[in-house]
């Protein structure tokens, strides 16, 4: 999975189809990502010493195959390629061949 925290993605399927948002968290083990404002559920939280309680909205993870990375340069949803630059492997846009990783 070539997605990282902070990347902008386009949701391909589900009730939030077509929405562009940022990745909050990535779970490599389960192949899921948490996207800001996507797959949001309401949770009824009991009051504790630290928290007042009430209904809170919380984003749940979605499968990484349901999103596509948006290239920061061309702004289009694209597949991710890899190239070796020096001794490091970097992510590259599939359409404009621009390096996506920050040095």
PDB file of N, CA and C in Angstrom:
ATOM      1  N   UNK A   1       0.859  -1.169   0.000  1.00  0.00           N
ATOM      2  CA  UNK A   1       0.000   0.000   0.000  1.00  0.00           C
ATOM      3  C   UNK A   1       0.908   1.236   0.000  1.00  0.00           C
ATOM      4  N   UNK A   2       0.700   2.123  -0.953  1.00  0.00           N
ATOM      5  CA  UNK A   2       1.558   3.294  -1.084  1.00  0.00           C
ATOM      6  C   UNK A   2       0.977   4.556  -0.492  1.00  0.00           C
ATOM      7  N   UNK A   3      -0.032   4.432   0.347  1.00  0.00           N
ATOM      8  CA  UNK A   3      -0.670   5.610   0.938  1.00  0.00           C
ATOM      9  C   UNK A   3      -0.034   5.931   2.281  1.00  0.00           C
ATOM     10  N   UNK A   4       0.045   7.237   2.580  1.00  0.00           N
ATOM     11  CA  UNK A   4       0.638   7.676   3.838  1.00  0.00           C
ATOM     12  C   UNK A   4      -0.240   8.715   4.508  1.00  0.00           C
ATOM     13  N   UNK A   5      -0.035   8.891   5.797  1.00  0.00           N
ATOM     14  CA  UNK A   5      -0.778   9.886   6.567  1.00  0.00           C
ATOM     15  C   UNK A   5      -0.519  11.276   5.979  1.00  0.00           C
ATOM     16  N   UNK A   6      -1.593  12.046   5.779  1.00  0.00           N
ATOM     17  CA  UNK A   6      -1.470  13.392   5.228  1.00  0.00           C
ATOM     18  C   UNK A   6      -1.704  13.477   3.731  1.00  0.00           C
ATOM     19  N   UNK A   7      -1.746  12.330   3.029  1.00  0.00           N
ATOM     20  CA  UNK A   7      -2.032  12.331   1.590  1.00  0.00           C
ATOM     21  C   UNK A   7      -3.487  12.708   1.337  1.00  0.00           C
ATOM     22  N   UNK A   8      -3.751  13.331   0.194  1.00  0.00           N
ATOM     23  CA  UNK A   8      -5.116  13.625  -0.227  1.00  0.00           C
ATOM     24  C   UNK A   8      -5.571  12.497  -1.141  1.00  0.00           C
ATOM     25  N   UNK A   9      -6.767  11.965  -0.876  1.00  0.00           N
ATOM     26  CA  UNK A   9      -7.292  10.854  -1.660  1.00  0.00           C
ATOM     27  C   UNK A   9      -8.695  11.168  -2.158  1.00  0.00           C
ATOM     28  N   UNK A  10      -9.117  10.445  -3.201  1.00  0.00           N
ATOM     29  CA  UNK A  10     -10.461  10.527  -3.745  1.00  0.00           C
ATOM     30  C   UNK A  10     -11.162   9.215  -3.428  1.00  0.00           C
ATOM     31  N   UNK A  11     -12.351   9.287  -2.831  1.00  0.00           N
ATOM     32  CA  UNK A  11     -13.102   8.084  -2.474  1.00  0.00           C
ATOM     33  C   UNK A  11     -13.789   7.565  -3.734  1.00  0.00           C
ATOM     34  N   UNK A  12     -13.582   6.272  -4.058  1.00  0.00           N
ATOM     35  CA  UNK A  12     -14.092   5.686  -5.293  1.00  0.00           C
ATOM     36  C   UNK A  12     -15.458   5.044  -5.152  1.00  0.00           C
ATOM     37  N   UNK A  13     -15.823   4.589  -3.955  1.00  0.00           N
ATOM     38  CA  UNK A  13     -17.108   3.904  -3.807  1.00  0.00           C
ATOM     39  C   UNK A  13     -17.679   4.139  -2.418  1.00  0.00           C
ATOM     40  N   UNK A  14     -18.958   3.841  -2.279  1.00  0.00           N
ATOM     41  CA  UNK A  14     -19.628   4.013  -0.998  1.00  0.00           C
ATOM     42  C   UNK A  14     -20.446   5.286  -0.960  1.00  0.00           C
ATOM     43  N   UNK A  15     -20.967   5.609   0.216  1.00  0.00           N
ATOM     44  CA  UNK A  15     -21.847   6.772   0.338  1.00  0.00           C
ATOM     45  C   UNK A  15     -21.101   8.094   0.201  1.00  0.00           C
ATOM     46  N   UNK A  16     -19.776   8.089   0.352  1.00  0.00           N
ATOM     47  CA  UNK A  16     -18.965   9.297   0.193  1.00  0.00           C
ATOM     48  C   UNK A  16     -18.214   9.320  -1.133  1.00  0.00           C
ATOM     49  N   UNK A  17     -18.735   8.628  -2.152  1.00  0.00           N
ATOM     50  CA  UNK A  17     -18.090   8.533  -3.460  1.00  0.00           C
ATOM     51  C   UNK A  17     -17.877   9.923  -4.056  1.00  0.00           C
ATOM     52  N   UNK A  18     -16.663  10.162  -4.565  1.00  0.00           N
ATOM     53  CA  UNK A  18     -16.341  11.436  -5.194  1.00  0.00           C
ATOM     54  C   UNK A  18     -15.776  12.483  -4.260  1.00  0.00           C
ATOM     55  N   UNK A  19     -15.689  12.184  -2.983  1.00  0.00           N
ATOM     56  CA  UNK A  19     -15.209  13.154  -1.997  1.00  0.00           C
ATOM     57  C   UNK A  19     -13.683  13.111  -1.912  1.00  0.00           C
ATOM     58  N   UNK A  20     -13.055  14.304  -1.888  1.00  0.00           N
ATOM     59  CA  UNK A  20     -11.607  14.398  -1.698  1.00  0.00           C
ATOM     60  C   UNK A  20     -11.346  14.783  -0.250  1.00  0.00           C
ATOM     61  N   UNK A  21     -10.447  14.052   0.402  1.00  0.00           N
ATOM     62  CA  UNK A  21     -10.160  14.311   1.814  1.00  0.00           C
ATOM     63  C   UNK A  21      -8.760  13.822   2.156  1.00  0.00           C
ATOM     64  N   UNK A  22      -8.285  14.199   3.351  1.00  0.00           N
ATOM     65  CA  UNK A  22      -6.953  13.830   3.826  1.00  0.00           C
ATOM     66  C   UNK A  22      -6.994  12.557   4.652  1.00  0.00           C
ATOM     67  N   UNK A  23      -5.899  11.804   4.609  1.00  0.00           N
ATOM     68  CA  UNK A  23      -5.764  10.587   5.401  1.00  0.00           C
ATOM     69  C   UNK A  23      -5.330  10.966   6.814  1.00  0.00           C
ATOM     70  N   UNK A  24      -6.059  10.433   7.809  1.00  0.00           N
ATOM     71  CA  UNK A  24      -5.749  10.687   9.217  1.00  0.00           C
ATOM     72  C   UNK A  24      -4.821   9.606   9.769  1.00  0.00           C
ATOM     73  N   UNK A  25      -5.120   8.339   9.422  1.00  0.00           N
ATOM     74  CA  UNK A  25      -4.337   7.213   9.952  1.00  0.00           C
ATOM     75  C   UNK A  25      -4.269   6.101   8.915  1.00  0.00           C
ATOM     76  N   UNK A  26      -3.169   5.340   8.937  1.00  0.00           N
ATOM     77  CA  UNK A  26      -2.964   4.222   8.019  1.00  0.00           C
ATOM     78  C   UNK A  26      -2.645   2.980   8.832  1.00  0.00           C
ATOM     79  N   UNK A  27      -3.340   1.871   8.524  1.00  0.00           N
ATOM     80  CA  UNK A  27      -3.047   0.594   9.165  1.00  0.00           C
ATOM     81  C   UNK A  27      -2.551  -0.376   8.096  1.00  0.00           C
ATOM     82  N   UNK A  28      -1.239  -0.582   8.040  1.00  0.00           N
ATOM     83  CA  UNK A  28      -0.645  -1.461   7.038  1.00  0.00           C
ATOM     84  C   UNK A  28      -1.085  -2.912   7.232  1.00  0.00           C
ATOM     85  N   UNK A  29      -1.231  -3.314   8.480  1.00  0.00           N
ATOM     86  CA  UNK A  29      -1.550  -4.704   8.795  1.00  0.00           C
ATOM     87  C   UNK A  29      -2.925  -5.111   8.270  1.00  0.00           C
ATOM     88  N   UNK A  30      -3.931  -4.247   8.481  1.00  0.00           N
ATOM     89  CA  UNK A  30      -5.291  -4.581   8.048  1.00  0.00           C
ATOM     90  C   UNK A  30      -5.608  -4.055   6.654  1.00  0.00           C
ATOM     91  N   UNK A  31      -4.737  -3.221   6.089  1.00  0.00           N
ATOM     92  CA  UNK A  31      -4.974  -2.671   4.758  1.00  0.00           C
ATOM     93  C   UNK A  31      -6.066  -1.618   4.741  1.00  0.00           C
ATOM     94  N   UNK A  32      -6.264  -0.948   5.872  1.00  0.00           N
ATOM     95  CA  UNK A  32      -7.313   0.063   5.979  1.00  0.00           C
ATOM     96  C   UNK A  32      -6.713   1.428   6.276  1.00  0.00           C
ATOM     97  N   UNK A  33      -7.475   2.468   5.907  1.00  0.00           N
ATOM     98  CA  UNK A  33      -7.076   3.837   6.204  1.00  0.00           C
ATOM     99  C   UNK A  33      -8.261   4.581   6.806  1.00  0.00           C
ATOM    100  N   UNK A  34      -7.977   5.596   7.604  1.00  0.00           N
ATOM    101  CA  UNK A  34      -9.012   6.459   8.159  1.00  0.00           C
ATOM    102  C   UNK A  34      -8.903   7.795   7.445  1.00  0.00           C
ATOM    103  N   UNK A  35     -10.020   8.222   6.839  1.00  0.00           N
ATOM    104  CA  UNK A  35     -10.042   9.440   6.041  1.00  0.00           C
ATOM    105  C   UNK A  35     -10.927  10.470   6.731  1.00  0.00           C
ATOM    106  N   UNK A  36     -10.474  11.708   6.751  1.00  0.00           N
ATOM    107  CA  UNK A  36     -11.168  12.813   7.415  1.00  0.00           C
ATOM    108  C   UNK A  36     -12.548  13.048   6.786  1.00  0.00           C
ATOM    109  N   UNK A  37     -13.615  12.902   7.586  1.00  0.00           N
ATOM    110  CA  UNK A  37     -14.970  13.178   7.121  1.00  0.00           C
ATOM    111  C   UNK A  37     -15.615  12.073   6.309  1.00  0.00           C
ATOM    112  N   UNK A  38     -14.981  10.905   6.213  1.00  0.00           N
ATOM    113  CA  UNK A  38     -15.518   9.782   5.439  1.00  0.00           C
ATOM    114  C   UNK A  38     -15.815   8.630   6.391  1.00  0.00           C
ATOM    115  N   UNK A  39     -16.948   7.962   6.205  1.00  0.00           N
ATOM    116  CA  UNK A  39     -17.385   6.838   7.031  1.00  0.00           C
ATOM    117  C   UNK A  39     -17.510   7.268   8.497  1.00  0.00           C
ATOM    118  N   UNK A  40     -18.180   8.388   8.711  1.00  0.00           N
ATOM    119  CA  UNK A  40     -18.351   8.952  10.050  1.00  0.00           C
ATOM    120  C   UNK A  40     -19.579   8.332  10.709  1.00  0.00           C
ATOM    121  N   UNK A  41     -19.416   7.881  11.953  1.00  0.00           N
ATOM    122  CA  UNK A  41     -20.523   7.303  12.716  1.00  0.00           C
ATOM    123  C   UNK A  41     -20.707   8.098  14.004  1.00  0.00           C
ATOM    124  N   UNK A  42     -21.911   8.010  14.555  1.00  0.00           N
ATOM    125  CA  UNK A  42     -22.194   8.663  15.829  1.00  0.00           C
ATOM    126  C   UNK A  42     -22.046   7.633  16.935  1.00  0.00           C
ATOM    127  N   UNK A  43     -21.275   7.982  17.960  1.00  0.00           N
ATOM    128  CA  UNK A  43     -21.035   7.075  19.077  1.00  0.00           C
ATOM    129  C   UNK A  43     -21.602   7.702  20.340  1.00  0.00           C
ATOM    130  N   UNK A  44     -22.349   6.922  21.098  1.00  0.00           N
ATOM    131  CA  UNK A  44     -22.916   7.386  22.360  1.00  0.00           C
ATOM    132  C   UNK A  44     -21.898   7.102  23.455  1.00  0.00           C
ATOM    133  N   UNK A  45     -21.295   8.161  23.975  1.00  0.00           N
ATOM    134  CA  UNK A  45     -20.211   8.043  24.949  1.00  0.00           C
ATOM    135  C   UNK A  45     -20.735   8.283  26.360  1.00  0.00           C
ATOM    136  N   UNK A  46     -20.416   7.381  27.258  1.00  0.00           N
ATOM    137  CA  UNK A  46     -20.790   7.557  28.670  1.00  0.00           C
ATOM    138  C   UNK A  46     -19.908   8.604  29.315  1.00  0.00           C
ATOM    139  N   UNK A  47     -20.436   9.323  30.283  1.00  0.00           N
ATOM    140  CA  UNK A  47     -19.584  10.283  30.987  1.00  0.00           C
ATOM    141  C   UNK A  47     -18.548   9.573  31.858  1.00  0.00           C
ATOM    142  N   UNK A  48     -17.333  10.088  31.860  1.00  0.00           N
ATOM    143  CA  UNK A  48     -16.261   9.577  32.716  1.00  0.00           C
ATOM    144  C   UNK A  48     -15.651  10.765  33.458  1.00  0.00           C
ATOM    145  N   UNK A  49     -14.588  10.512  34.183  1.00  0.00           N
ATOM    146  CA  UNK A  49     -13.927  11.604  34.900  1.00  0.00           C
ATOM    147  C   UNK A  49     -13.333  12.627  33.930  1.00  0.00           C
ATOM    148  N   UNK A  50     -12.832  12.127  32.801  1.00  0.00           N
ATOM    149  CA  UNK A  50     -12.149  13.005  31.851  1.00  0.00           C
ATOM    150  C   UNK A  50     -13.076  13.573  30.783  1.00  0.00           C
ATOM    151  N   UNK A  51     -14.164  12.863  30.478  1.00  0.00           N
ATOM    152  CA  UNK A  51     -15.027  13.253  29.360  1.00  0.00           C
ATOM    153  C   UNK A  51     -16.453  13.464  29.850  1.00  0.00           C
ATOM    154  N   UNK A  52     -17.096  14.496  29.345  1.00  0.00           N
ATOM    155  CA  UNK A  52     -18.439  14.850  29.792  1.00  0.00           C
ATOM    156  C   UNK A  52     -19.490  13.824  29.368  1.00  0.00           C
ATOM    157  N   UNK A  53     -19.328  13.226  28.204  1.00  0.00           N
ATOM    158  CA  UNK A  53     -20.310  12.285  27.694  1.00  0.00           C
ATOM    159  C   UNK A  53     -21.168  12.930  26.630  1.00  0.00           C
ATOM    160  N   UNK A  54     -21.972  12.123  25.953  1.00  0.00           N
ATOM    161  CA  UNK A  54     -22.844  12.626  24.896  1.00  0.00           C
ATOM    162  C   UNK A  54     -22.611  11.867  23.605  1.00  0.00           C
ATOM    163  N   UNK A  55     -23.136  12.418  22.521  1.00  0.00           N
ATOM    164  CA  UNK A  55     -23.010  11.791  21.211  1.00  0.00           C
ATOM    165  C   UNK A  55     -21.846  12.456  20.480  1.00  0.00           C
ATOM    166  N   UNK A  56     -20.843  11.642  20.119  1.00  0.00           N
ATOM    167  CA  UNK A  56     -19.687  12.170  19.391  1.00  0.00           C
ATOM    168  C   UNK A  56     -19.638  11.526  18.009  1.00  0.00           C
ATOM    169  N   UNK A  57     -19.100  12.262  17.033  1.00  0.00           N
ATOM    170  CA  UNK A  57     -18.920  11.722  15.685  1.00  0.00           C
ATOM    171  C   UNK A  57     -17.475  11.278  15.537  1.00  0.00           C
ATOM    172  N   UNK A  58     -17.311  10.077  14.955  1.00  0.00           N
ATOM    173  CA  UNK A  58     -15.993   9.472  14.868  1.00  0.00           C
ATOM    174  C   UNK A  58     -15.828   8.826  13.491  1.00  0.00           C
ATOM    175  N   UNK A  59     -14.731   9.100  12.763  1.00  0.00           N
ATOM    176  CA  UNK A  59     -14.514   8.428  11.477  1.00  0.00           C
ATOM    177  C   UNK A  59     -13.969   7.014  11.690  1.00  0.00           C
ATOM    178  N   UNK A  60     -14.528   6.057  10.968  1.00  0.00           N
ATOM    179  CA  UNK A  60     -14.059   4.672  11.028  1.00  0.00           C
ATOM    180  C   UNK A  60     -13.204   4.369   9.800  1.00  0.00           C
ATOM    181  N   UNK A  61     -12.327   3.367   9.879  1.00  0.00           N
ATOM    182  CA  UNK A  61     -11.459   3.044   8.745  1.00  0.00           C
ATOM    183  C   UNK A  61     -12.225   2.451   7.566  1.00  0.00           C
ATOM    184  N   UNK A  62     -11.683   2.664   6.357  1.00  0.00           N
ATOM    185  CA  UNK A  62     -12.201   2.042   5.137  1.00  0.00           C
ATOM    186  C   UNK A  62     -11.032   1.325   4.464  1.00  0.00           C
ATOM    187  N   UNK A  63     -11.346   0.403   3.558  1.00  0.00           N
ATOM    188  CA  UNK A  63     -10.299  -0.320   2.855  1.00  0.00           C
ATOM    189  C   UNK A  63      -9.560   0.617   1.904  1.00  0.00           C
ATOM    190  N   UNK A  64      -8.252   0.441   1.820  1.00  0.00           N
ATOM    191  CA  UNK A  64      -7.407   1.309   1.000  1.00  0.00           C
ATOM    192  C   UNK A  64      -7.720   1.163  -0.487  1.00  0.00           C
ATOM    193  N   UNK A  65      -8.294   0.028  -0.891  1.00  0.00           N
ATOM    194  CA  UNK A  65      -8.634  -0.178  -2.298  1.00  0.00           C
ATOM    195  C   UNK A  65      -9.820   0.674  -2.736  1.00  0.00           C
ATOM    196  N   UNK A  66     -10.535   1.261  -1.795  1.00  0.00           N
ATOM    197  CA  UNK A  66     -11.705   2.086  -2.105  1.00  0.00           C
ATOM    198  C   UNK A  66     -11.350   3.550  -2.342  1.00  0.00           C
ATOM    199  N   UNK A  67     -10.061   3.895  -2.281  1.00  0.00           N
ATOM    200  CA  UNK A  67      -9.632   5.274  -2.518  1.00  0.00           C
ATOM    201  C   UNK A  67      -8.506   5.299  -3.548  1.00  0.00           C
ATOM    202  N   UNK A  68      -8.299   6.473  -4.150  1.00  0.00           N
ATOM    203  CA  UNK A  68      -7.209   6.665  -5.095  1.00  0.00           C
ATOM    204  C   UNK A  68      -6.474   7.954  -4.736  1.00  0.00           C
ATOM    205  N   UNK A  69      -5.168   7.903  -4.744  1.00  0.00           N
ATOM    206  CA  UNK A  69      -4.341   9.046  -4.379  1.00  0.00           C
ATOM    207  C   UNK A  69      -4.498  10.174  -5.396  1.00  0.00           C
ATOM    208  N   UNK A  70      -4.593  11.418  -4.906  1.00  0.00           N
ATOM    209  CA  UNK A  70      -4.660  12.594  -5.770  1.00  0.00           C
ATOM    210  C   UNK A  70      -3.262  13.200  -5.823  1.00  0.00           C
ATOM    211  N   UNK A  71      -2.746  13.382  -7.042  1.00  0.00           N
ATOM    212  CA  UNK A  71      -1.401  13.935  -7.234  1.00  0.00           C
ATOM    213  C   UNK A  71      -1.383  15.394  -6.792  1.00  0.00           C
ATOM    214  N   UNK A  72      -0.402  15.797  -5.965  1.00  0.00           N
ATOM    215  CA  UNK A  72      -0.349  17.188  -5.517  1.00  0.00           C
ATOM    216  C   UNK A  72      -0.012  18.173  -6.639  1.00  0.00           C
ATOM    217  N   UNK A  73       0.652  17.707  -7.693  1.00  0.00           N
ATOM    218  CA  UNK A  73       1.042  18.609  -8.780  1.00  0.00           C
ATOM    219  C   UNK A  73      -0.057  18.771  -9.819  1.00  0.00           C
ATOM    220  N   UNK A  74      -0.546  17.650 -10.387  1.00  0.00           N
ATOM    221  CA  UNK A  74      -1.543  17.750 -11.464  1.00  0.00           C
ATOM    222  C   UNK A  74      -2.971  17.750 -10.932  1.00  0.00           C
ATOM    223  N   UNK A  75      -3.186  17.351  -9.681  1.00  0.00           N
ATOM    224  CA  UNK A  75      -4.518  17.397  -9.080  1.00  0.00           C
ATOM    225  C   UNK A  75      -5.460  16.309  -9.546  1.00  0.00           C
ATOM    226  N   UNK A  76      -4.952  15.313 -10.251  1.00  0.00           N
ATOM    227  CA  UNK A  76      -5.776  14.226 -10.771  1.00  0.00           C
ATOM    228  C   UNK A  76      -5.598  12.969  -9.917  1.00  0.00           C
ATOM    229  N   UNK A  77      -6.677  12.155  -9.792  1.00  0.00           N
ATOM    230  CA  UNK A  77      -6.512  10.860  -9.120  1.00  0.00           C
ATOM    231  C   UNK A  77      -5.613   9.960  -9.972  1.00  0.00           C
ATOM    232  N   UNK A  78      -4.669   9.303  -9.339  1.00  0.00           N
ATOM    233  CA  UNK A  78      -3.681   8.545 -10.096  1.00  0.00           C
ATOM    234  C   UNK A  78      -3.232   7.299  -9.346  1.00  0.00           C
ATOM    235  N   UNK A  79      -2.660   6.382 -10.086  1.00  0.00           N
ATOM    236  CA  UNK A  79      -2.005   5.235  -9.475  1.00  0.00           C
ATOM    237  C   UNK A  79      -0.603   5.642  -9.057  1.00  0.00           C
ATOM    238  N   UNK A  80      -0.042   4.882  -8.145  1.00  0.00           N
ATOM    239  CA  UNK A  80       1.265   5.221  -7.604  1.00  0.00           C
ATOM    240  C   UNK A  80       2.309   4.293  -8.203  1.00  0.00           C
ATOM    241  N   UNK A  81       3.372   4.888  -8.748  1.00  0.00           N
ATOM    242  CA  UNK A  81       4.507   4.122  -9.216  1.00  0.00           C
ATOM    243  C   UNK A  81       5.669   4.339  -8.268  1.00  0.00           C
ATOM    244  N   UNK A  82       6.724   3.556  -8.435  1.00  0.00           N
ATOM    245  CA  UNK A  82       7.914   3.745  -7.606  1.00  0.00           C
ATOM    246  C   UNK A  82       9.146   3.839  -8.494  1.00  0.00           C
ATOM    247  N   UNK A  83      10.090   4.663  -8.072  1.00  0.00           N
ATOM    248  CA  UNK A  83      11.377   4.777  -8.749  1.00  0.00           C
ATOM    249  C   UNK A  83      12.456   4.816  -7.682  1.00  0.00           C
ATOM    250  N   UNK A  84      13.663   4.407  -8.068  1.00  0.00           N
ATOM    251  CA  UNK A  84      14.789   4.457  -7.150  1.00  0.00           C
ATOM    252  C   UNK A  84      15.555   5.741  -7.429  1.00  0.00           C
ATOM    253  N   UNK A  85      15.639   6.596  -6.416  1.00  0.00           N
ATOM    254  CA  UNK A  85      16.357   7.862  -6.526  1.00  0.00           C
ATOM    255  C   UNK A  85      17.536   7.808  -5.557  1.00  0.00           C
ATOM    256  N   UNK A  86      18.721   7.625  -6.107  1.00  0.00           N
ATOM    257  CA  UNK A  86      19.903   7.441  -5.252  1.00  0.00           C
ATOM    258  C   UNK A  86      19.817   6.083  -4.584  1.00  0.00           C
ATOM    259  N   UNK A  87      19.729   6.069  -3.252  1.00  0.00           N
ATOM    260  CA  UNK A  87      19.570   4.807  -2.539  1.00  0.00           C
ATOM    261  C   UNK A  87      18.190   4.699  -1.908  1.00  0.00           C
ATOM    262  N   UNK A  88      17.287   5.645  -2.233  1.00  0.00           N
ATOM    263  CA  UNK A  88      15.931   5.637  -1.666  1.00  0.00           C
ATOM    264  C   UNK A  88      14.910   5.303  -2.744  1.00  0.00           C
ATOM    265  N   UNK A  89      13.824   4.667  -2.319  1.00  0.00           N
ATOM    266  CA  UNK A  89      12.709   4.381  -3.218  1.00  0.00           C
ATOM    267  C   UNK A  89      11.649   5.454  -2.998  1.00  0.00           C
ATOM    268  N   UNK A  90      11.191   6.119  -4.065  1.00  0.00           N
ATOM    269  CA  UNK A  90      10.234   7.218  -3.944  1.00  0.00           C
ATOM    270  C   UNK A  90       8.967   6.905  -4.736  1.00  0.00           C
ATOM    271  N   UNK A  91       7.853   7.522  -4.300  1.00  0.00           N
ATOM    272  CA  UNK A  91       6.581   7.366  -4.997  1.00  0.00           C
ATOM    273  C   UNK A  91       6.501   8.364  -6.150  1.00  0.00           C
ATOM    274  N   UNK A  92       5.936   7.913  -7.285  1.00  0.00           N
ATOM    275  CA  UNK A  92       5.828   8.766  -8.460  1.00  0.00           C
ATOM    276  C   UNK A  92       4.394   8.739  -8.976  1.00  0.00           C
ATOM    277  N   UNK A  93       3.930   9.893  -9.484  1.00  0.00           N
ATOM    278  CA  UNK A  93       2.598   9.989 -10.086  1.00  0.00           C
ATOM    279  C   UNK A  93       2.583   9.170 -11.369  1.00  0.00           C
ATOM    280  N   UNK A  94       1.532   8.416 -11.602  1.00  0.00           N
ATOM    281  CA  UNK A  94       1.422   7.593 -12.794  1.00  0.00           C
ATOM    282  C   UNK A  94       1.138   8.389 -14.050  1.00  0.00           C
ATOM    283  N   UNK A  95       0.636   9.618 -13.922  1.00  0.00           N
ATOM    284  CA  UNK A  95       0.280  10.417 -15.092  1.00  0.00           C
ATOM    285  C   UNK A  95       1.350  11.442 -15.455  1.00  0.00           C
ATOM    286  N   UNK A  96       1.810  12.233 -14.466  1.00  0.00           N
ATOM    287  CA  UNK A  96       2.756  13.317 -14.781  1.00  0.00           C
ATOM    288  C   UNK A  96       4.197  12.964 -14.418  1.00  0.00           C
ATOM    289  N   UNK A  97       4.438  11.785 -13.852  1.00  0.00           N
ATOM    290  CA  UNK A  97       5.782  11.303 -13.487  1.00  0.00           C
ATOM    291  C   UNK A  97       6.484  12.197 -12.459  1.00  0.00           C
ATOM    292  N   UNK A  98       5.708  12.981 -11.686  1.00  0.00           N
ATOM    293  CA  UNK A  98       6.271  13.856 -10.653  1.00  0.00           C
ATOM    294  C   UNK A  98       6.520  13.050  -9.377  1.00  0.00           C
ATOM    295  N   UNK A  99       7.625  13.314  -8.695  1.00  0.00           N
ATOM    296  CA  UNK A  99       7.932  12.641  -7.433  1.00  0.00           C
ATOM    297  C   UNK A  99       7.019  13.205  -6.352  1.00  0.00           C
ATOM    298  N   UNK A 100       6.319  12.327  -5.617  1.00  0.00           N
ATOM    299  CA  UNK A 100       5.341  12.750  -4.620  1.00  0.00           C
ATOM    300  C   UNK A 100       5.929  12.879  -3.224  1.00  0.00           C
ATOM    301  N   UNK A 101       7.017  12.185  -2.944  1.00  0.00           N
ATOM    302  CA  UNK A 101       7.593  12.204  -1.605  1.00  0.00           C
ATOM    303  C   UNK A 101       8.391  13.473  -1.381  1.00  0.00           C
ATOM    304  N   UNK A 102       8.305  13.982  -0.159  1.00  0.00           N
ATOM    305  CA  UNK A 102       9.094  15.154   0.217  1.00  0.00           C
ATOM    306  C   UNK A 102      10.491  14.691   0.607  1.00  0.00           C
ATOM    307  N   UNK A 103      11.485  15.430   0.186  1.00  0.00           N
ATOM    308  CA  UNK A 103      12.869  15.024   0.431  1.00  0.00           C
ATOM    309  C   UNK A 103      13.289  15.127   1.859  1.00  0.00           C
TER     310      UNK A 103
END
